[in-house]
C-alpha atoms as a PDB file:
ATOM      1  CA  MET A   1     -16.758  10.076 -15.381  1.00  0.00           C
ATOM      2  CA  ALA A   2     -15.554  13.745 -14.843  1.00  0.00           C
ATOM      3  CA  GLY A   3     -14.075  14.333 -11.457  1.00  0.00           C
ATOM      4  CA  LYS A   4     -13.336  10.670 -10.872  1.00  0.00           C
ATOM      5  CA  SER A   5      -9.630   9.725 -10.996  1.00  0.00           C
ATOM      6  CA  ARG A   6      -8.821   6.510 -12.627  1.00  0.00           C
ATOM      7  CA  ILE A   7      -5.342   6.397 -11.011  1.00  0.00           C
ATOM      8  CA  LYS A   8      -5.129   3.757  -8.282  1.00  0.00           C
ATOM      9  CA  ARG A   9      -3.302   4.553  -5.220  1.00  0.00           C
ATOM     10  CA  VAL A  10      -0.237   2.208  -4.724  1.00  0.00           C
ATOM     11  CA  GLU A  11       0.259   1.049  -1.213  1.00  0.00           C
ATOM     12  CA  PRO A  12       3.636   0.296  -0.008  1.00  0.00           C
ATOM     13  CA  LEU A  13       4.452  -3.482   0.295  1.00  0.00           C
ATOM     14  CA  LYS A  14       4.069  -5.052   3.824  1.00  0.00           C
ATOM     15  CA  LYS A  15       6.968  -5.759   5.607  1.00  0.00           C
ATOM     16  CA  ASP A  16       6.158  -9.289   6.219  1.00  0.00           C
ATOM     17  CA  LEU A  17       5.431 -10.085   2.538  1.00  0.00           C
ATOM     18  CA  PRO A  18       7.890 -12.724   1.095  1.00  0.00           C
ATOM     19  CA  ILE A  19       9.129 -11.273  -2.166  1.00  0.00           C
ATOM     20  CA  TYR A  20      12.792 -11.818  -2.119  1.00  0.00           C
ATOM     21  CA  PRO A  21      14.177 -15.019  -3.506  1.00  0.00           C
ATOM     22  CA  ILE A  22      17.363 -16.283  -1.681  1.00  0.00           C
ATOM     23  CA  GLY A  23      19.650 -15.014  -4.433  1.00  0.00           C
ATOM     24  CA  ALA A  24      18.289 -11.524  -4.091  1.00  0.00           C
ATOM     25  CA  ALA A  25      18.223 -11.576  -0.347  1.00  0.00           C
ATOM     26  CA  ALA A  26      21.661 -12.943  -0.238  1.00  0.00           C
ATOM     27  CA  LYS A  27      22.970  -9.916  -2.406  1.00  0.00           C
ATOM     28  CA  LEU A  28      21.029  -7.398  -0.411  1.00  0.00           C
ATOM     29  CA  LEU A  29      22.740  -8.878   2.858  1.00  0.00           C
ATOM     30  CA  ASP A  30      26.121  -9.092   1.057  1.00  0.00           C
ATOM     31  CA  VAL A  31      26.157 -12.854   1.995  1.00  0.00           C
ATOM     32  CA  HIS A  32      26.395 -16.032   0.125  1.00  0.00           C
ATOM     33  CA  PRO A  33      23.100 -17.862  -0.372  1.00  0.00           C
ATOM     34  CA  ARG A  34      24.738 -20.765   1.420  1.00  0.00           C
ATOM     35  CA  THR A  35      24.955 -18.737   4.565  1.00  0.00           C
ATOM     36  CA  LEU A  36      21.242 -18.008   4.536  1.00  0.00           C
ATOM     37  CA  ARG A  37      20.502 -21.794   4.006  1.00  0.00           C
ATOM     38  CA  ILE A  38      22.724 -22.426   7.077  1.00  0.00           C
ATOM     39  CA  TYR A  39      20.759 -20.049   9.327  1.00  0.00           C
ATOM     40  CA  GLU A  40      17.590 -21.867   7.985  1.00  0.00           C
ATOM     41  CA  ASP A  41      19.206 -25.245   8.977  1.00  0.00           C
ATOM     42  CA  GLU A  42      20.041 -23.868  12.410  1.00  0.00           C
ATOM     43  CA  GLY A  43      16.472 -22.535  13.034  1.00  0.00           C
ATOM     44  CA  LEU A  44      17.395 -19.154  13.192  1.00  0.00           C
ATOM     45  CA  ILE A  45      15.079 -18.075  10.198  1.00  0.00           C
ATOM     46  CA  LYS A  46      12.069 -19.797   8.371  1.00  0.00           C
ATOM     47  CA  PRO A  47      11.762 -18.342   4.949  1.00  0.00           C
ATOM     48  CA  HIS A  48       8.350 -18.703   3.276  1.00  0.00           C
ATOM     49  CA  ARG A  49       8.208 -21.470   0.584  1.00  0.00           C
ATOM     50  CA  GLN A  50       6.639 -20.995  -2.784  1.00  0.00           C
ATOM     51  CA  GLY A  51       6.947 -24.409  -4.609  1.00  0.00           C
ATOM     52  CA  GLY A  52      10.476 -25.330  -3.868  1.00  0.00           C
ATOM     53  CA  ARG A  53      11.895 -21.769  -3.594  1.00  0.00           C
ATOM     54  CA  ARG A  54      12.821 -19.760  -0.283  1.00  0.00           C
ATOM     55  CA  MET A  55      11.219 -16.377  -0.312  1.00  0.00           C
ATOM     56  CA  TYR A  56      12.308 -13.730   2.204  1.00  0.00           C
ATOM     57  CA  SER A  57      10.343 -10.584   3.540  1.00  0.00           C
ATOM     58  CA  GLN A  58      11.603  -7.139   4.442  1.00  0.00           C
ATOM     59  CA  ASN A  59      11.298  -8.343   8.067  1.00  0.00           C
ATOM     60  CA  ASP A  60      13.392 -11.464   7.434  1.00  0.00           C
ATOM     61  CA  LEU A  61      16.178  -9.298   5.850  1.00  0.00           C
ATOM     62  CA  GLN A  62      16.076  -6.931   8.944  1.00  0.00           C
ATOM     63  CA  TRP A  63      16.359  -9.843  11.279  1.00  0.00           C
ATOM     64  CA  LEU A  64      19.198 -11.349   9.164  1.00  0.00           C
ATOM     65  CA  ALA A  65      21.187  -8.180   9.334  1.00  0.00           C
ATOM     66  CA  CYS A  66      20.725  -7.920  13.153  1.00  0.00           C
ATOM     67  CA  LEU A  67      21.786 -11.683  13.404  1.00  0.00           C
ATOM     68  CA  ARG A  68      24.864 -11.121  11.132  1.00  0.00           C
ATOM     69  CA  SER A  69      25.535  -7.994  13.436  1.00  0.00           C
ATOM     70  CA  ALA A  70      25.325 -10.270  16.443  1.00  0.00           C
ATOM     71  CA  ILE A  71      27.635 -13.031  14.995  1.00  0.00           C
ATOM     72  CA  HIS A  72      30.283 -10.792  13.351  1.00  0.00           C
ATOM     73  CA  ASP A  73      30.313  -7.363  15.282  1.00  0.00           C
ATOM     74  CA  GLN A  74      29.652  -8.830  18.705  1.00  0.00           C
ATOM     75  CA  GLY A  75      31.329 -12.284  18.388  1.00  0.00           C
ATOM     76  CA  ILE A  76      28.399 -14.452  19.441  1.00  0.00           C
ATOM     77  CA  SER A  77      28.485 -17.841  17.751  1.00  0.00           C
ATOM     78  CA  ILE A  78      25.270 -19.401  16.048  1.00  0.00           C
ATOM     79  CA  PRO A  79      24.703 -21.836  19.023  1.00  0.00           C
ATOM     80  CA  GLY A  80      25.128 -18.828  21.379  1.00  0.00           C
ATOM     81  CA  VAL A  81      22.340 -16.971  19.478  1.00  0.00           C
ATOM     82  CA  LYS A  82      20.146 -19.861  19.552  1.00  0.00           C
ATOM     83  CA  LYS A  83      20.468 -20.405  23.255  1.00  0.00           C
ATOM     84  CA  LEU A  84      20.237 -16.472  24.030  1.00  0.00           C
ATOM     85  CA  LEU A  85      16.992 -16.534  21.848  1.00  0.00           C
ATOM     86  CA  ARG A  86      15.523 -18.928  24.358  1.00  0.00           C
ATOM     87  CA  TYR A  87      15.698 -16.556  27.201  1.00  0.00           C
ATOM     88  CA  ALA A  88      15.620 -13.096  25.514  1.00  0.00           C
ATOM     89  CA  THR A  89      14.435 -11.160  22.660  1.00  0.00           C
ATOM     90  CA  CYS A  90      16.580 -10.204  19.744  1.00  0.00           C
ATOM     91  CA  TYR A  91      16.637  -6.498  20.629  1.00  0.00           C
ATOM     92  CA  GLU A  92      18.129  -7.424  24.019  1.00  0.00           C
ATOM     93  CA  ILE A  93      20.727  -9.580  22.627  1.00  0.00           C
ATOM     94  CA  VAL A  94      21.836  -7.264  19.670  1.00  0.00           C
ATOM     95  CA  GLU A  95      21.381  -4.460  22.249  1.00  0.00           C
ATOM     96  CA  CYS A  96      19.167  -2.226  20.002  1.00  0.00           C
ATOM     97  CA  PRO A  97      18.318   1.271  21.273  1.00  0.00           C
ATOM     98  CA  GLU A  98      14.869   1.264  23.163  1.00  0.00           C
ATOM     99  CA  SER A  99      13.401   3.592  20.613  1.00  0.00           C
ATOM    100  CA  VAL A 100      14.129   0.979  17.934  1.00  0.00           C
ATOM    101  CA  ALA A 101      13.232  -2.163  19.926  1.00  0.00           C
ATOM    102  CA  CYS A 102       9.840  -1.131  20.785  1.00  0.00           C
ATOM    103  CA  THR A 103       8.895  -0.342  17.155  1.00  0.00           C
ATOM    104  CA  CYS A 104      10.657  -2.869  15.187  1.00  0.00           C
ATOM    105  CA  ASP A 105       8.409  -5.113  12.998  1.00  0.00           C
ATOM    106  CA  ALA A 106      11.114  -7.808  12.596  1.00  0.00           C
ATOM    107  CA  VAL A 107      11.526  -8.543  16.280  1.00  0.00           C
ATOM    108  CA  VAL A 108      12.341 -12.217  16.828  1.00  0.00           C
ATOM    109  CA  ASP A 109      10.781 -12.965  20.276  1.00  0.00           C
ATOM    110  CA  ARG A 110      10.806 -16.559  21.131  1.00  0.00           C
ATOM    111  CA  VAL A 111       9.710 -15.958  24.764  1.00  0.00           C
ATOM    112  CA  ILE A 112       6.325 -14.599  23.589  1.00  0.00           C
ATOM    113  CA  PRO A 113       4.586 -16.891  21.108  1.00  0.00           C
ATOM    114  CA  ARG A 114       3.016 -15.052  18.269  1.00  0.00           C
ATOM    115  CA  LYS A 115      -0.880 -15.025  18.155  1.00  0.00           C
ATOM    116  CA  MET A 116      -2.686 -16.213  15.239  1.00  0.00           C
ATOM    117  CA  HIS A 117      -4.903 -14.208  13.020  1.00  0.00           C
ATOM    118  CA  LEU A 118      -6.679 -14.197   9.536  1.00  0.00           C
ATOM    119  CA  ALA A 119      -4.343 -13.082   6.762  1.00  0.00           C
ATOM    120  CA  GLY A 120      -5.592  -9.978   5.357  1.00  0.00           C
ATOM    121  CA  ASP A 121      -7.116  -8.974   8.757  1.00  0.00           C
ATOM    122  CA  VAL A 122      -5.024  -5.494   8.949  1.00  0.00           C
ATOM    123  CA  VAL A 123      -6.924  -4.354  12.187  1.00  0.00           C
ATOM    124  CA  THR A 124      -6.446  -7.460  14.128  1.00  0.00           C
ATOM    125  CA  ALA A 125      -2.975  -7.833  13.134  1.00  0.00           C
ATOM    126  CA  LYS A 126      -2.122  -4.186  14.245  1.00  0.00           C
ATOM    127  CA  LYS A 127      -3.906  -4.803  17.494  1.00  0.00           C
ATOM    128  CA  LEU A 128      -2.090  -8.153  18.215  1.00  0.00           C
ATOM    129  CA  GLN A 129       1.240  -6.376  17.081  1.00  0.00           C
ATOM    130  CA  GLU A 130       0.603  -3.688  19.777  1.00  0.00           C
ATOM    131  CA  GLU A 131      -0.326  -6.174  22.424  1.00  0.00           C
ATOM    132  CA  GLU A 132       2.930  -8.312  21.548  1.00  0.00           C
ATOM    133  CA  ARG A 133       5.000  -4.968  21.978  1.00  0.00           C
ATOM    134  CA  GLU A 134       3.167  -4.000  25.274  1.00  0.00           C
ATOM    135  CA  GLU A 135       3.944  -7.581  26.690  1.00  0.00           C
ATOM    136  CA  ARG A 136       7.543  -7.225  25.547  1.00  0.00           C
ATOM    137  CA  GLU A 137       7.942  -4.034  27.155  1.00  0.00           C
ATOM    138  CA  LYS A 138       6.411  -5.154  30.421  1.00  0.00           C
ATOM    139  CA  ASN A 139       8.630  -8.165  30.436  1.00  0.00           C
ATOM    140  CA  ARG A 140      11.651  -5.870  29.755  1.00  0.00           C
ATOM    141  CA  LYS A 141      10.711  -3.664  32.668  1.00  0.00           C
ATOM    142  CA  GLY A 142      10.210  -6.583  34.853  1.00  0.00           C
ATOM    143  CA  LYS A 143      13.716  -7.824  34.254  1.00  0.00           C
ATOM    144  CA  ASP A 144      15.146  -4.409  34.896  1.00  0.00           C
ATOM    145  CA  LYS A 145      13.441  -4.438  38.119  1.00  0.00           C
ATOM    146  CA  ASN A 146      14.751  -7.776  39.111  1.00  0.00           C
ATOM    147  CA  LYS A 147      18.109  -6.803  38.172  1.00  0.00           C
ATOM    148  CA  ASP A 148      17.771  -3.925  40.398  1.00  0.00           C
ATOM    149  CA  LYS A 149      16.711  -6.182  43.281  1.00  0.00           C
ATOM    150  CA  GLU A 150      19.618  -8.530  42.804  1.00  0.00           C
ATOM    151  CA  LYS A 151      22.040  -5.705  42.849  1.00  0.00           C
ATOM    152  CA  ALA A 152      20.394  -4.177  46.217  1.00  0.00           C
ATOM    153  CA  SER A 153      20.557  -7.673  47.778  1.00  0.00           C
ATOM    154  CA  LYS A 154      24.247  -8.429  46.863  1.00  0.00           C
ATOM    155  CA  SER A 155      25.110  -5.031  48.262  1.00  0.00           C
ATOM    156  CA  ARG A 156      23.183  -5.813  51.571  1.00  0.00           C
ATOM    157  CA  LYS A 157      25.128  -9.159  51.683  1.00  0.00           C
ATOM    158  CA  ILE A 158      28.661  -7.320  51.298  1.00  0.00           C
ATOM    159  CA  GLU A 159      27.780  -4.997  54.194  1.00  0.00           C
END
């Protein structure tokens, strides 16, 4: 046994692992648990269920913090956020910096459906996550090009 260490290496928790019950999540976000239930009723978040209990992941908390920012700091109503999510990703709505938007694990993108993979298949999950990021970036650049074309056509009409 000499030379072999018995100490197991502790890996950090996965950001998509639901470990926070609703009370803890509400405290971390400084909101009432009823607020989280309202967001769930409105379809803005879908917490994991263990038995009858709602459980939230770190990604859920990050999305909820962005959602709260959109509602309270930017003054977007809940129905407004729901409508915007049909046409844009969360980072476009909340106006995250590009450096954050492209690497955020909590990104909510209802335009690009999530791809299925086996639970625990880390390699495939990372690959799919990277493909989704590339697709979002491609869509984002395409939208920017369309806006530039619209501006150019409007300026030609004015002349």
